[in-house]
Amino acid sequence: MSTFESNAKKPVNLSLSEALVQESRAYCGNLSAKVEEMLQAYVVAERQSRQQHREQAQRAVTDWNTLHDAAGSYADEHSTL
């Protein structure tokens, strides 16, 4: 079951262009359902994008740590500690 699948609905206020709302009614009968469908698709895509970004960052960290373990740091030879 998707996290979006719920019978509970919450009324919200949206500010939309009146002309856009009028024209959209010609294409879909239930504007609320269409907006919910589009918002759900957006949230899923954004969640996937953020997950890919986290995975890419983790790979970069892993690669950097591997390089550091193999070659050390340039600053190591200049340390005064």
C-alpha atoms as a PDB file:
ATOM      1  CA  MET A   1       0.000   0.000   0.000  1.00  0.00           C
ATOM      2  CA  SER A   2       1.387   3.403  -0.988  1.00  0.00           C
ATOM      3  CA  THR A   3       1.812   6.050   1.681  1.00  0.00           C
ATOM      4  CA  PHE A   4      -0.632   8.130  -0.357  1.00  0.00           C
ATOM      5  CA  GLU A   5      -3.437   5.593  -0.380  1.00  0.00           C
ATOM      6  CA  SER A   6      -5.849   6.842   2.216  1.00  0.00           C
ATOM      7  CA  ASN A   7      -9.542   7.481   2.316  1.00  0.00           C
ATOM      8  CA  ALA A   8      -9.030  10.454   4.608  1.00  0.00           C
ATOM      9  CA  LYS A   9      -9.197  13.749   2.778  1.00  0.00           C
ATOM     10  CA  LYS A  10      -8.274  17.148   4.147  1.00  0.00           C
ATOM     11  CA  PRO A  11      -9.656  20.315   2.641  1.00  0.00           C
ATOM     12  CA  VAL A  12      -6.921  22.823   1.772  1.00  0.00           C
ATOM     13  CA  ASN A  13      -6.922  26.276   0.283  1.00  0.00           C
ATOM     14  CA  LEU A  14      -5.055  26.825  -2.960  1.00  0.00           C
ATOM     15  CA  SER A  15      -4.686  30.019  -4.930  1.00  0.00           C
ATOM     16  CA  LEU A  16      -4.918  29.245  -8.615  1.00  0.00           C
ATOM     17  CA  SER A  17      -5.419  31.386 -11.667  1.00  0.00           C
ATOM     18  CA  GLU A  18      -9.124  31.632 -12.377  1.00  0.00           C
ATOM     19  CA  ALA A  19      -8.534  31.305 -16.118  1.00  0.00           C
ATOM     20  CA  LEU A  20      -6.419  28.192 -15.583  1.00  0.00           C
ATOM     21  CA  VAL A  21      -9.089  26.606 -13.399  1.00  0.00           C
ATOM     22  CA  GLN A  22     -11.808  27.356 -15.953  1.00  0.00           C
ATOM     23  CA  GLU A  23      -9.820  25.909 -18.849  1.00  0.00           C
ATOM     24  CA  SER A  24      -8.734  22.855 -16.867  1.00  0.00           C
ATOM     25  CA  ARG A  25     -12.366  21.964 -16.194  1.00  0.00           C
ATOM     26  CA  ALA A  26     -12.721  21.358 -19.938  1.00  0.00           C
ATOM     27  CA  TYR A  27     -10.057  18.643 -19.683  1.00  0.00           C
ATOM     28  CA  CYS A  28     -10.931  16.990 -16.403  1.00  0.00           C
ATOM     29  CA  GLY A  29     -14.158  16.752 -14.506  1.00  0.00           C
ATOM     30  CA  ASN A  30     -12.719  16.399 -11.021  1.00  0.00           C
ATOM     31  CA  LEU A  31     -10.066  19.049 -10.522  1.00  0.00           C
ATOM     32  CA  SER A  32      -9.296  17.920  -6.967  1.00  0.00           C
ATOM     33  CA  ALA A  33      -8.581  14.368  -8.114  1.00  0.00           C
ATOM     34  CA  LYS A  34      -6.379  15.600 -10.949  1.00  0.00           C
ATOM     35  CA  VAL A  35      -4.379  17.916  -8.683  1.00  0.00           C
ATOM     36  CA  GLU A  36      -3.963  15.092  -6.155  1.00  0.00           C
ATOM     37  CA  GLU A  37      -2.771  12.739  -8.917  1.00  0.00           C
ATOM     38  CA  MET A  38      -0.252  15.287 -10.200  1.00  0.00           C
ATOM     39  CA  LEU A  39       0.950  16.164  -6.691  1.00  0.00           C
ATOM     40  CA  GLN A  40       1.426  12.488  -5.894  1.00  0.00           C
ATOM     41  CA  ALA A  41       3.529  12.024  -9.064  1.00  0.00           C
ATOM     42  CA  TYR A  42       5.608  15.075  -8.115  1.00  0.00           C
ATOM     43  CA  VAL A  43       6.240  13.801  -4.580  1.00  0.00           C
ATOM     44  CA  VAL A  44       7.274  10.355  -5.851  1.00  0.00           C
ATOM     45  CA  ALA A  45       9.668  11.889  -8.406  1.00  0.00           C
ATOM     46  CA  GLU A  46      11.133  14.266  -5.811  1.00  0.00           C
ATOM     47  CA  ARG A  47      11.597  11.419  -3.319  1.00  0.00           C
ATOM     48  CA  GLN A  48      13.427   9.360  -5.964  1.00  0.00           C
ATOM     49  CA  SER A  49      15.590  12.324  -6.963  1.00  0.00           C
ATOM     50  CA  ARG A  50      16.606  12.986  -3.376  1.00  0.00           C
ATOM     51  CA  GLN A  51      17.365   9.309  -2.810  1.00  0.00           C
ATOM     52  CA  GLN A  52      19.584   9.270  -5.917  1.00  0.00           C
ATOM     53  CA  HIS A  53      21.373  12.386  -4.662  1.00  0.00           C
ATOM     54  CA  ARG A  54      22.005  10.774  -1.258  1.00  0.00           C
ATOM     55  CA  GLU A  55      23.350   7.637  -2.974  1.00  0.00           C
ATOM     56  CA  GLN A  56      25.606   9.723  -5.238  1.00  0.00           C
ATOM     57  CA  ALA A  57      26.944  11.655  -2.255  1.00  0.00           C
ATOM     58  CA  GLN A  58      27.577   8.426  -0.363  1.00  0.00           C
ATOM     59  CA  ARG A  59      29.510   7.004  -3.346  1.00  0.00           C
ATOM     60  CA  ALA A  60      31.602  10.189  -3.485  1.00  0.00           C
ATOM     61  CA  VAL A  61      32.407   9.913   0.221  1.00  0.00           C
ATOM     62  CA  THR A  62      33.315   6.245  -0.148  1.00  0.00           C
ATOM     63  CA  ASP A  63      35.549   6.961  -3.169  1.00  0.00           C
ATOM     64  CA  TRP A  64      37.248   9.863  -1.388  1.00  0.00           C
ATOM     65  CA  ASN A  65      37.891   7.748   1.702  1.00  0.00           C
ATOM     66  CA  THR A  66      39.321   4.966  -0.476  1.00  0.00           C
ATOM     67  CA  LEU A  67      41.656   7.446  -2.171  1.00  0.00           C
ATOM     68  CA  HIS A  68      42.687   8.916   1.173  1.00  0.00           C
ATOM     69  CA  ASP A  69      43.386   5.458   2.610  1.00  0.00           C
ATOM     70  CA  ALA A  70      45.517   4.550  -0.423  1.00  0.00           C
ATOM     71  CA  ALA A  71      47.412   7.803  -0.955  1.00  0.00           C
ATOM     72  CA  GLY A  72      47.056   9.744   2.241  1.00  0.00           C
ATOM     73  CA  SER A  73      46.575  13.476   2.289  1.00  0.00           C
ATOM     74  CA  TYR A  74      48.746  16.166   0.723  1.00  0.00           C
ATOM     75  CA  ALA A  75      48.511  18.051   3.995  1.00  0.00           C
ATOM     76  CA  ASP A  76      50.008  15.152   5.978  1.00  0.00           C
ATOM     77  CA  GLU A  77      53.561  16.045   4.969  1.00  0.00           C
ATOM     78  CA  HIS A  78      53.040  19.667   5.972  1.00  0.00           C
ATOM     79  CA  SER A  79      51.463  19.051   9.367  1.00  0.00           C
ATOM     80  CA  THR A  80      53.133  20.669  12.370  1.00  0.00           C
ATOM     81  CA  LEU A  81      51.370  18.349  14.800  1.00  0.00           C
END
